[in-house]
PDB file of N, CA and C in Angstrom:
ATOM      1  N   UNK A   1       0.838  -1.199   0.000  1.00  0.00           N
ATOM      2  CA  UNK A   1       0.000   0.000   0.000  1.00  0.00           C
ATOM      3  C   UNK A   1       0.868   1.242   0.000  1.00  0.00           C
ATOM      4  N   UNK A   2       0.422   2.262  -0.702  1.00  0.00           N
ATOM      5  CA  UNK A   2       1.162   3.525  -0.654  1.00  0.00           C
ATOM      6  C   UNK A   2       1.114   4.121   0.748  1.00  0.00           C
ATOM      7  N   UNK A   3       2.144   4.849   1.098  1.00  0.00           N
ATOM      8  CA  UNK A   3       2.230   5.466   2.419  1.00  0.00           C
ATOM      9  C   UNK A   3       1.049   6.389   2.684  1.00  0.00           C
ATOM     10  N   UNK A   4       0.556   7.066   1.650  1.00  0.00           N
ATOM     11  CA  UNK A   4      -0.561   8.001   1.828  1.00  0.00           C
ATOM     12  C   UNK A   4      -1.819   7.311   2.356  1.00  0.00           C
ATOM     13  N   UNK A   5      -2.009   6.033   2.025  1.00  0.00           N
ATOM     14  CA  UNK A   5      -3.188   5.310   2.513  1.00  0.00           C
ATOM     15  C   UNK A   5      -3.171   5.134   4.022  1.00  0.00           C
ATOM     16  N   UNK A   6      -2.003   5.094   4.598  1.00  0.00           N
ATOM     17  CA  UNK A   6      -1.897   4.926   6.047  1.00  0.00           C
ATOM     18  C   UNK A   6      -2.273   6.197   6.804  1.00  0.00           C
ATOM     19  N   UNK A   7      -2.262   7.331   6.132  1.00  0.00           N
ATOM     20  CA  UNK A   7      -2.554   8.602   6.775  1.00  0.00           C
ATOM     21  C   UNK A   7      -3.869   9.212   6.337  1.00  0.00           C
ATOM     22  N   UNK A   8      -4.572   8.533   5.469  1.00  0.00           N
ATOM     23  CA  UNK A   8      -5.861   9.023   4.997  1.00  0.00           C
ATOM     24  C   UNK A   8      -6.947   8.447   5.884  1.00  0.00           C
ATOM     25  N   UNK A   9      -7.692   9.297   6.593  1.00  0.00           N
ATOM     26  CA  UNK A   9      -8.744   8.770   7.467  1.00  0.00           C
ATOM     27  C   UNK A   9      -9.847   8.119   6.650  1.00  0.00           C
ATOM     28  N   UNK A  10     -10.382   7.070   7.183  1.00  0.00           N
ATOM     29  CA  UNK A  10     -11.497   6.383   6.538  1.00  0.00           C
ATOM     30  C   UNK A  10     -12.786   7.073   6.958  1.00  0.00           C
ATOM     31  N   UNK A  11     -13.547   7.543   6.014  1.00  0.00           N
ATOM     32  CA  UNK A  11     -14.772   8.290   6.312  1.00  0.00           C
ATOM     33  C   UNK A  11     -15.933   7.380   6.663  1.00  0.00           C
ATOM     34  N   UNK A  12     -15.755   6.087   6.559  1.00  0.00           N
ATOM     35  CA  UNK A  12     -16.874   5.169   6.764  1.00  0.00           C
ATOM     36  C   UNK A  12     -16.619   4.188   7.907  1.00  0.00           C
ATOM     37  N   UNK A  13     -15.907   4.608   8.936  1.00  0.00           N
ATOM     38  CA  UNK A  13     -15.670   3.734  10.070  1.00  0.00           C
ATOM     39  C   UNK A  13     -16.830   3.828  11.048  1.00  0.00           C
ATOM     40  N   UNK A  14     -16.997   2.782  11.826  1.00  0.00           N
ATOM     41  CA  UNK A  14     -18.031   2.767  12.845  1.00  0.00           C
ATOM     42  C   UNK A  14     -17.396   2.388  14.168  1.00  0.00           C
ATOM     43  N   UNK A  15     -18.190   2.384  15.207  1.00  0.00           N
ATOM     44  CA  UNK A  15     -17.691   1.993  16.518  1.00  0.00           C
ATOM     45  C   UNK A  15     -17.101   0.591  16.432  1.00  0.00           C
ATOM     46  N   UNK A  16     -16.090   0.332  17.222  1.00  0.00           N
ATOM     47  CA  UNK A  16     -15.336  -0.911  17.104  1.00  0.00           C
ATOM     48  C   UNK A  16     -16.160  -2.164  17.366  1.00  0.00           C
ATOM     49  N   UNK A  17     -17.216  -2.064  18.140  1.00  0.00           N
ATOM     50  CA  UNK A  17     -17.998  -3.264  18.440  1.00  0.00           C
ATOM     51  C   UNK A  17     -18.951  -3.637  17.309  1.00  0.00           C
ATOM     52  N   UNK A  18     -19.171  -2.752  16.358  1.00  0.00           N
ATOM     53  CA  UNK A  18     -20.101  -3.013  15.262  1.00  0.00           C
ATOM     54  C   UNK A  18     -19.318  -3.481  14.045  1.00  0.00           C
ATOM     55  N   UNK A  19     -19.711  -4.632  13.514  1.00  0.00           N
ATOM     56  CA  UNK A  19     -19.077  -5.183  12.318  1.00  0.00           C
ATOM     57  C   UNK A  19     -20.091  -5.169  11.186  1.00  0.00           C
ATOM     58  N   UNK A  20     -19.871  -4.307  10.221  1.00  0.00           N
ATOM     59  CA  UNK A  20     -20.774  -4.234   9.067  1.00  0.00           C
ATOM     60  C   UNK A  20     -20.191  -5.048   7.928  1.00  0.00           C
ATOM     61  N   UNK A  21     -21.058  -5.554   7.062  1.00  0.00           N
ATOM     62  CA  UNK A  21     -20.550  -6.284   5.903  1.00  0.00           C
ATOM     63  C   UNK A  21     -19.699  -5.359   5.038  1.00  0.00           C
ATOM     64  N   UNK A  22     -18.752  -5.924   4.315  1.00  0.00           N
ATOM     65  CA  UNK A  22     -17.912  -5.119   3.430  1.00  0.00           C
ATOM     66  C   UNK A  22     -18.778  -4.481   2.352  1.00  0.00           C
ATOM     67  N   UNK A  23     -18.649  -3.159   2.224  1.00  0.00           N
ATOM     68  CA  UNK A  23     -19.438  -2.398   1.262  1.00  0.00           C
ATOM     69  C   UNK A  23     -18.509  -1.409   0.584  1.00  0.00           C
ATOM     70  N   UNK A  24     -18.628  -1.285  -0.726  1.00  0.00           N
ATOM     71  CA  UNK A  24     -17.818  -0.302  -1.442  1.00  0.00           C
ATOM     72  C   UNK A  24     -18.344   1.093  -1.135  1.00  0.00           C
ATOM     73  N   UNK A  25     -17.450   2.014  -0.835  1.00  0.00           N
ATOM     74  CA  UNK A  25     -17.849   3.374  -0.464  1.00  0.00           C
ATOM     75  C   UNK A  25     -18.679   4.045  -1.543  1.00  0.00           C
ATOM     76  N   UNK A  26     -18.420   3.734  -2.793  1.00  0.00           N
ATOM     77  CA  UNK A  26     -19.166   4.367  -3.885  1.00  0.00           C
ATOM     78  C   UNK A  26     -20.652   4.036  -3.829  1.00  0.00           C
ATOM     79  N   UNK A  27     -21.010   3.000  -3.127  1.00  0.00           N
ATOM     80  CA  UNK A  27     -22.404   2.590  -3.070  1.00  0.00           C
ATOM     81  C   UNK A  27     -23.227   3.465  -2.136  1.00  0.00           C
ATOM     82  N   UNK A  28     -22.600   4.214  -1.279  1.00  0.00           N
ATOM     83  CA  UNK A  28     -23.359   5.105  -0.402  1.00  0.00           C
ATOM     84  C   UNK A  28     -22.601   6.413  -0.177  1.00  0.00           C
ATOM     85  N   UNK A  29     -22.227   7.033  -1.274  1.00  0.00           N
ATOM     86  CA  UNK A  29     -21.476   8.286  -1.219  1.00  0.00           C
ATOM     87  C   UNK A  29     -22.240   9.407  -0.533  1.00  0.00           C
ATOM     88  N   UNK A  30     -23.550   9.418  -0.632  1.00  0.00           N
ATOM     89  CA  UNK A  30     -24.346  10.527  -0.109  1.00  0.00           C
ATOM     90  C   UNK A  30     -24.770  10.286   1.339  1.00  0.00           C
ATOM     91  N   UNK A  31     -23.940   9.593   2.093  1.00  0.00           N
ATOM     92  CA  UNK A  31     -24.282   9.266   3.476  1.00  0.00           C
ATOM     93  C   UNK A  31     -24.437  10.508   4.339  1.00  0.00           C
ATOM     94  N   UNK A  32     -23.754  11.581   4.005  1.00  0.00           N
ATOM     95  CA  UNK A  32     -23.819  12.782   4.843  1.00  0.00           C
ATOM     96  C   UNK A  32     -25.233  13.343   4.927  1.00  0.00           C
ATOM     97  N   UNK A  33     -25.996  13.272   3.855  1.00  0.00           N
ATOM     98  CA  UNK A  33     -27.374  13.778   3.909  1.00  0.00           C
ATOM     99  C   UNK A  33     -28.240  12.910   4.812  1.00  0.00           C
ATOM    100  N   UNK A  34     -27.959  11.615   4.836  1.00  0.00           N
ATOM    101  CA  UNK A  34     -28.701  10.715   5.728  1.00  0.00           C
ATOM    102  C   UNK A  34     -28.335  11.026   7.175  1.00  0.00           C
ATOM    103  N   UNK A  35     -27.061  11.201   7.446  1.00  0.00           N
ATOM    104  CA  UNK A  35     -26.594  11.477   8.812  1.00  0.00           C
ATOM    105  C   UNK A  35     -27.232  12.750   9.349  1.00  0.00           C
ATOM    106  N   UNK A  36     -27.379  13.753   8.512  1.00  0.00           N
ATOM    107  CA  UNK A  36     -27.988  15.010   8.947  1.00  0.00           C
ATOM    108  C   UNK A  36     -29.439  14.828   9.369  1.00  0.00           C
ATOM    109  N   UNK A  37     -30.108  13.836   8.823  1.00  0.00           N
ATOM    110  CA  UNK A  37     -31.508  13.591   9.180  1.00  0.00           C
ATOM    111  C   UNK A  37     -31.655  12.877  10.524  1.00  0.00           C
ATOM    112  N   UNK A  38     -30.606  12.221  10.983  1.00  0.00           N
ATOM    113  CA  UNK A  38     -30.684  11.440  12.215  1.00  0.00           C
ATOM    114  C   UNK A  38     -30.829  12.349  13.426  1.00  0.00           C
ATOM    115  N   UNK A  39     -31.698  11.955  14.321  1.00  0.00           N
ATOM    116  CA  UNK A  39     -31.829  12.670  15.590  1.00  0.00           C
ATOM    117  C   UNK A  39     -30.753  12.149  16.532  1.00  0.00           C
ATOM    118  N   UNK A  40     -30.264  13.019  17.366  1.00  0.00           N
ATOM    119  CA  UNK A  40     -29.195  12.656  18.295  1.00  0.00           C
ATOM    120  C   UNK A  40     -29.763  12.139  19.605  1.00  0.00           C
ATOM    121  N   UNK A  41     -29.092  11.129  20.140  1.00  0.00           N
ATOM    122  CA  UNK A  41     -29.433  10.585  21.453  1.00  0.00           C
ATOM    123  C   UNK A  41     -28.197  10.717  22.327  1.00  0.00           C
ATOM    124  N   UNK A  42     -28.358  11.389  23.472  1.00  0.00           N
ATOM    125  CA  UNK A  42     -27.236  11.688  24.361  1.00  0.00           C
ATOM    126  C   UNK A  42     -27.146  10.762  25.574  1.00  0.00           C
ATOM    127  N   UNK A  43     -28.177   9.970  25.817  1.00  0.00           N
ATOM    128  CA  UNK A  43     -28.176   9.100  26.982  1.00  0.00           C
ATOM    129  C   UNK A  43     -28.564   9.811  28.262  1.00  0.00           C
ATOM    130  N   UNK A  44     -29.269  10.925  28.141  1.00  0.00           N
ATOM    131  CA  UNK A  44     -29.699  11.684  29.314  1.00  0.00           C
ATOM    132  C   UNK A  44     -30.933  11.044  29.941  1.00  0.00           C
ATOM    133  N   UNK A  45     -31.144  11.303  31.216  1.00  0.00           N
ATOM    134  CA  UNK A  45     -32.258  10.679  31.937  1.00  0.00           C
ATOM    135  C   UNK A  45     -33.620  11.118  31.414  1.00  0.00           C
ATOM    136  N   UNK A  46     -33.697  12.281  30.785  1.00  0.00           N
ATOM    137  CA  UNK A  46     -34.989  12.746  30.269  1.00  0.00           C
ATOM    138  C   UNK A  46     -35.256  12.283  28.831  1.00  0.00           C
ATOM    139  N   UNK A  47     -34.346  11.525  28.249  1.00  0.00           N
ATOM    140  CA  UNK A  47     -34.531  11.005  26.894  1.00  0.00           C
ATOM    141  C   UNK A  47     -35.110   9.597  26.940  1.00  0.00           C
ATOM    142  N   UNK A  48     -35.848   9.252  25.911  1.00  0.00           N
ATOM    143  CA  UNK A  48     -36.461   7.930  25.818  1.00  0.00           C
ATOM    144  C   UNK A  48     -35.725   7.107  24.764  1.00  0.00           C
ATOM    145  N   UNK A  49     -34.963   6.092  25.192  1.00  0.00           N
ATOM    146  CA  UNK A  49     -34.181   5.310  24.229  1.00  0.00           C
ATOM    147  C   UNK A  49     -35.048   4.568  23.211  1.00  0.00           C
ATOM    148  N   UNK A  50     -36.202   4.063  23.623  1.00  0.00           N
ATOM    149  CA  UNK A  50     -37.060   3.339  22.677  1.00  0.00           C
ATOM    150  C   UNK A  50     -37.633   4.279  21.623  1.00  0.00           C
ATOM    151  N   UNK A  51     -37.936   5.500  22.018  1.00  0.00           N
ATOM    152  CA  UNK A  51     -38.416   6.491  21.054  1.00  0.00           C
ATOM    153  C   UNK A  51     -37.306   6.815  20.059  1.00  0.00           C
ATOM    154  N   UNK A  52     -36.090   6.954  20.560  1.00  0.00           N
ATOM    155  CA  UNK A  52     -34.955   7.212  19.670  1.00  0.00           C
ATOM    156  C   UNK A  52     -34.804   6.072  18.659  1.00  0.00           C
ATOM    157  N   UNK A  53     -34.888   4.836  19.124  1.00  0.00           N
ATOM    158  CA  UNK A  53     -34.761   3.690  18.221  1.00  0.00           C
ATOM    159  C   UNK A  53     -35.876   3.667  17.186  1.00  0.00           C
ATOM    160  N   UNK A  54     -37.109   3.929  17.618  1.00  0.00           N
ATOM    161  CA  UNK A  54     -38.238   3.968  16.678  1.00  0.00           C
ATOM    162  C   UNK A  54     -38.010   5.016  15.595  1.00  0.00           C
ATOM    163  N   UNK A  55     -37.580   6.205  15.993  1.00  0.00           N
ATOM    164  CA  UNK A  55     -37.334   7.277  15.028  1.00  0.00           C
ATOM    165  C   UNK A  55     -36.154   6.942  14.117  1.00  0.00           C
ATOM    166  N   UNK A  56     -35.126   6.330  14.682  1.00  0.00           N
ATOM    167  CA  UNK A  56     -33.962   5.927  13.893  1.00  0.00           C
ATOM    168  C   UNK A  56     -34.368   4.915  12.825  1.00  0.00           C
ATOM    169  N   UNK A  57     -35.131   3.912  13.219  1.00  0.00           N
ATOM    170  CA  UNK A  57     -35.586   2.882  12.276  1.00  0.00           C
ATOM    171  C   UNK A  57     -36.472   3.494  11.198  1.00  0.00           C
ATOM    172  N   UNK A  58     -37.329   4.423  11.597  1.00  0.00           N
ATOM    173  CA  UNK A  58     -38.211   5.083  10.629  1.00  0.00           C
ATOM    174  C   UNK A  58     -37.401   5.849   9.582  1.00  0.00           C
ATOM    175  N   UNK A  59     -36.393   6.584  10.017  1.00  0.00           N
ATOM    176  CA  UNK A  59     -35.554   7.334   9.078  1.00  0.00           C
ATOM    177  C   UNK A  59     -34.796   6.380   8.158  1.00  0.00           C
ATOM    178  N   UNK A  60     -34.217   5.332   8.725  1.00  0.00           N
ATOM    179  CA  UNK A  60     -33.466   4.374   7.906  1.00  0.00           C
ATOM    180  C   UNK A  60     -34.353   3.689   6.874  1.00  0.00           C
ATOM    181  N   UNK A  61     -35.603   3.454   7.221  1.00  0.00           N
ATOM    182  CA  UNK A  61     -36.502   2.752   6.297  1.00  0.00           C
ATOM    183  C   UNK A  61     -36.864   3.598   5.080  1.00  0.00           C
ATOM    184  N   UNK A  62     -36.589   4.891   5.128  1.00  0.00           N
ATOM    185  CA  UNK A  62     -36.905   5.750   3.982  1.00  0.00           C
ATOM    186  C   UNK A  62     -35.804   5.731   2.929  1.00  0.00           C
ATOM    187  N   UNK A  63     -34.676   5.101   3.234  1.00  0.00           N
ATOM    188  CA  UNK A  63     -33.555   5.065   2.295  1.00  0.00           C
ATOM    189  C   UNK A  63     -33.348   3.658   1.761  1.00  0.00           C
ATOM    190  N   UNK A  64     -33.197   3.565   0.464  1.00  0.00           N
ATOM    191  CA  UNK A  64     -32.849   2.312  -0.201  1.00  0.00           C
ATOM    192  C   UNK A  64     -31.575   2.573  -0.986  1.00  0.00           C
ATOM    193  N   UNK A  65     -30.525   1.861  -0.651  1.00  0.00           N
ATOM    194  CA  UNK A  65     -29.236   2.050  -1.303  1.00  0.00           C
ATOM    195  C   UNK A  65     -28.862   0.745  -1.993  1.00  0.00           C
ATOM    196  N   UNK A  66     -28.532   0.852  -3.262  1.00  0.00           N
ATOM    197  CA  UNK A  66     -28.219  -0.323  -4.065  1.00  0.00           C
ATOM    198  C   UNK A  66     -27.106  -1.150  -3.419  1.00  0.00           C
ATOM    199  N   UNK A  67     -27.319  -2.452  -3.363  1.00  0.00           N
ATOM    200  CA  UNK A  67     -26.356  -3.423  -2.824  1.00  0.00           C
ATOM    201  C   UNK A  67     -26.059  -3.246  -1.335  1.00  0.00           C
ATOM    202  N   UNK A  68     -26.935  -2.559  -0.627  1.00  0.00           N
ATOM    203  CA  UNK A  68     -26.760  -2.382   0.815  1.00  0.00           C
ATOM    204  C   UNK A  68     -28.075  -2.732   1.502  1.00  0.00           C
ATOM    205  N   UNK A  69     -28.047  -3.733   2.355  1.00  0.00           N
ATOM    206  CA  UNK A  69     -29.272  -4.145   3.042  1.00  0.00           C
ATOM    207  C   UNK A  69     -29.683  -3.091   4.065  1.00  0.00           C
ATOM    208  N   UNK A  70     -30.943  -3.100   4.422  1.00  0.00           N
ATOM    209  CA  UNK A  70     -31.428  -2.169   5.448  1.00  0.00           C
ATOM    210  C   UNK A  70     -30.720  -2.442   6.775  1.00  0.00           C
ATOM    211  N   UNK A  71     -30.442  -3.706   7.044  1.00  0.00           N
ATOM    212  CA  UNK A  71     -29.728  -4.089   8.260  1.00  0.00           C
ATOM    213  C   UNK A  71     -28.334  -3.451   8.289  1.00  0.00           C
ATOM    214  N   UNK A  72     -27.613  -3.549   7.182  1.00  0.00           N
ATOM    215  CA  UNK A  72     -26.266  -2.969   7.103  1.00  0.00           C
ATOM    216  C   UNK A  72     -26.320  -1.451   7.221  1.00  0.00           C
ATOM    217  N   UNK A  73     -27.322  -0.838   6.604  1.00  0.00           N
ATOM    218  CA  UNK A  73     -27.475   0.616   6.693  1.00  0.00           C
ATOM    219  C   UNK A  73     -27.646   1.053   8.147  1.00  0.00           C
ATOM    220  N   UNK A  74     -28.461   0.328   8.895  1.00  0.00           N
ATOM    221  CA  UNK A  74     -28.669   0.663  10.310  1.00  0.00           C
ATOM    222  C   UNK A  74     -27.378   0.513  11.109  1.00  0.00           C
ATOM    223  N   UNK A  75     -26.634  -0.560  10.839  1.00  0.00           N
ATOM    224  CA  UNK A  75     -25.374  -0.772  11.552  1.00  0.00           C
ATOM    225  C   UNK A  75     -24.375   0.341  11.259  1.00  0.00           C
ATOM    226  N   UNK A  76     -24.352   0.801  10.022  1.00  0.00           N
ATOM    227  CA  UNK A  76     -23.430   1.868   9.637  1.00  0.00           C
ATOM    228  C   UNK A  76     -23.826   3.192  10.277  1.00  0.00           C
ATOM    229  N   UNK A  77     -25.122   3.492  10.266  1.00  0.00           N
ATOM    230  CA  UNK A  77     -25.583   4.815  10.698  1.00  0.00           C
ATOM    231  C   UNK A  77     -25.777   4.966  12.204  1.00  0.00           C
ATOM    232  N   UNK A  78     -26.074   3.881  12.909  1.00  0.00           N
ATOM    233  CA  UNK A  78     -26.426   3.998  14.324  1.00  0.00           C
ATOM    234  C   UNK A  78     -25.402   4.765  15.159  1.00  0.00           C
ATOM    235  N   UNK A  79     -24.111   4.509  15.022  1.00  0.00           N
ATOM    236  CA  UNK A  79     -23.151   5.272  15.839  1.00  0.00           C
ATOM    237  C   UNK A  79     -23.234   6.779  15.623  1.00  0.00           C
ATOM    238  N   UNK A  80     -23.655   7.206  14.433  1.00  0.00           N
ATOM    239  CA  UNK A  80     -23.772   8.634  14.152  1.00  0.00           C
ATOM    240  C   UNK A  80     -24.944   9.271  14.884  1.00  0.00           C
ATOM    241  N   UNK A  81     -25.877   8.473  15.363  1.00  0.00           N
ATOM    242  CA  UNK A  81     -27.027   9.014  16.096  1.00  0.00           C
ATOM    243  C   UNK A  81     -26.734   9.180  17.583  1.00  0.00           C
ATOM    244  N   UNK A  82     -25.618   8.649  18.043  1.00  0.00           N
ATOM    245  CA  UNK A  82     -25.275   8.701  19.466  1.00  0.00           C
ATOM    246  C   UNK A  82     -24.283   9.820  19.750  1.00  0.00           C
ATOM    247  N   UNK A  83     -24.476  10.477  20.875  1.00  0.00           N
ATOM    248  CA  UNK A  83     -23.595  11.568  21.303  1.00  0.00           C
ATOM    249  C   UNK A  83     -23.259  11.392  22.785  1.00  0.00           C
ATOM    250  N   UNK A  84     -22.169  12.000  23.202  1.00  0.00           N
ATOM    251  CA  UNK A  84     -21.766  12.092  24.614  1.00  0.00           C
ATOM    252  C   UNK A  84     -21.834  10.752  25.341  1.00  0.00           C
ATOM    253  N   UNK A  85     -22.665  10.659  26.392  1.00  0.00           N
ATOM    254  CA  UNK A  85     -22.733   9.436  27.215  1.00  0.00           C
ATOM    255  C   UNK A  85     -23.159   8.225  26.404  1.00  0.00           C
ATOM    256  N   UNK A  86     -24.080   8.426  25.486  1.00  0.00           N
ATOM    257  CA  UNK A  86     -24.551   7.305  24.668  1.00  0.00           C
ATOM    258  C   UNK A  86     -23.427   6.777  23.776  1.00  0.00           C
ATOM    259  N   UNK A  87     -22.635   7.658  23.219  1.00  0.00           N
ATOM    260  CA  UNK A  87     -21.499   7.248  22.381  1.00  0.00           C
ATOM    261  C   UNK A  87     -20.445   6.548  23.234  1.00  0.00           C
ATOM    262  N   UNK A  88     -20.212   7.059  24.448  1.00  0.00           N
ATOM    263  CA  UNK A  88     -19.268   6.410  25.362  1.00  0.00           C
ATOM    264  C   UNK A  88     -19.729   4.997  25.690  1.00  0.00           C
ATOM    265  N   UNK A  89     -21.034   4.830  25.902  1.00  0.00           N
ATOM    266  CA  UNK A  89     -21.583   3.504  26.180  1.00  0.00           C
ATOM    267  C   UNK A  89     -21.291   2.559  25.023  1.00  0.00           C
ATOM    268  N   UNK A  90     -21.535   3.012  23.795  1.00  0.00           N
ATOM    269  CA  UNK A  90     -21.293   2.162  22.627  1.00  0.00           C
ATOM    270  C   UNK A  90     -19.827   1.753  22.553  1.00  0.00           C
ATOM    271  N   UNK A  91     -18.933   2.694  22.796  1.00  0.00           N
ATOM    272  CA  UNK A  91     -17.504   2.385  22.744  1.00  0.00           C
ATOM    273  C   UNK A  91     -17.062   1.485  23.899  1.00  0.00           C
ATOM    274  N   UNK A  92     -17.849   1.425  24.954  1.00  0.00           N
ATOM    275  CA  UNK A  92     -17.498   0.559  26.088  1.00  0.00           C
ATOM    276  C   UNK A  92     -17.825  -0.903  25.820  1.00  0.00           C
ATOM    277  N   UNK A  93     -18.483  -1.189  24.726  1.00  0.00           N
ATOM    278  CA  UNK A  93     -18.891  -2.558  24.401  1.00  0.00           C
ATOM    279  C   UNK A  93     -17.823  -3.306  23.617  1.00  0.00           C
ATOM    280  N   UNK A  94     -16.560  -3.058  23.910  1.00  0.00           N
ATOM    281  CA  UNK A  94     -15.467  -3.673  23.158  1.00  0.00           C
ATOM    282  C   UNK A  94     -15.531  -5.190  23.120  1.00  0.00           C
ATOM    283  N   UNK A  95     -15.974  -5.813  24.188  1.00  0.00           N
ATOM    284  CA  UNK A  95     -16.001  -7.273  24.227  1.00  0.00           C
ATOM    285  C   UNK A  95     -17.221  -7.858  23.521  1.00  0.00           C
ATOM    286  N   UNK A  96     -18.160  -7.003  23.122  1.00  0.00           N
ATOM    287  CA  UNK A  96     -19.367  -7.435  22.419  1.00  0.00           C
ATOM    288  C   UNK A  96     -19.172  -7.145  20.935  1.00  0.00           C
ATOM    289  N   UNK A  97     -19.522  -8.100  20.095  1.00  0.00           N
ATOM    290  CA  UNK A  97     -19.443  -7.889  18.655  1.00  0.00           C
ATOM    291  C   UNK A  97     -20.858  -7.900  18.099  1.00  0.00           C
ATOM    292  N   UNK A  98     -21.251  -6.802  17.489  1.00  0.00           N
ATOM    293  CA  UNK A  98     -22.590  -6.660  16.918  1.00  0.00           C
ATOM    294  C   UNK A  98     -22.468  -6.818  15.410  1.00  0.00           C
ATOM    295  N   UNK A  99     -23.153  -7.820  14.856  1.00  0.00           N
ATOM    296  CA  UNK A  99     -23.062  -8.088  13.424  1.00  0.00           C
ATOM    297  C   UNK A  99     -24.398  -7.960  12.708  1.00  0.00           C
ATOM    298  N   UNK A 100     -25.477  -7.776  13.457  1.00  0.00           N
ATOM    299  CA  UNK A 100     -26.791  -7.650  12.848  1.00  0.00           C
ATOM    300  C   UNK A 100     -27.647  -6.716  13.676  1.00  0.00           C
ATOM    301  N   UNK A 101     -28.606  -6.090  13.035  1.00  0.00           N
ATOM    302  CA  UNK A 101     -29.510  -5.190  13.738  1.00  0.00           C
ATOM    303  C   UNK A 101     -30.594  -5.974  14.455  1.00  0.00           C
ATOM    304  N   UNK A 102     -30.986  -7.100  13.914  1.00  0.00           N
ATOM    305  CA  UNK A 102     -32.118  -7.879  14.437  1.00  0.00           C
ATOM    306  C   UNK A 102     -31.929  -8.341  15.858  1.00  0.00           C
TER     307      UNK A 102
END
């Protein structure tokens, strides 16, 4: 590999505990517009996690991306919906490997 590849950040990484199927980046280049639609969940006591999940699933169901299953789309996007304490919680799941949304 060229040296430049070692210093180029990957724009499609997810939390370490989530394993998504291999997908070519060209298949979902417009991911930024999807991410902007996601509501943020911070893990605060006044937030409802089930409501966040329902809204997340609803938003994901509106997108169909060629050669990408809805399950894979959710796995890719879910970390982007988490902030602060909720994101810390996800990163604390190092010993857990998540390979499916179901």
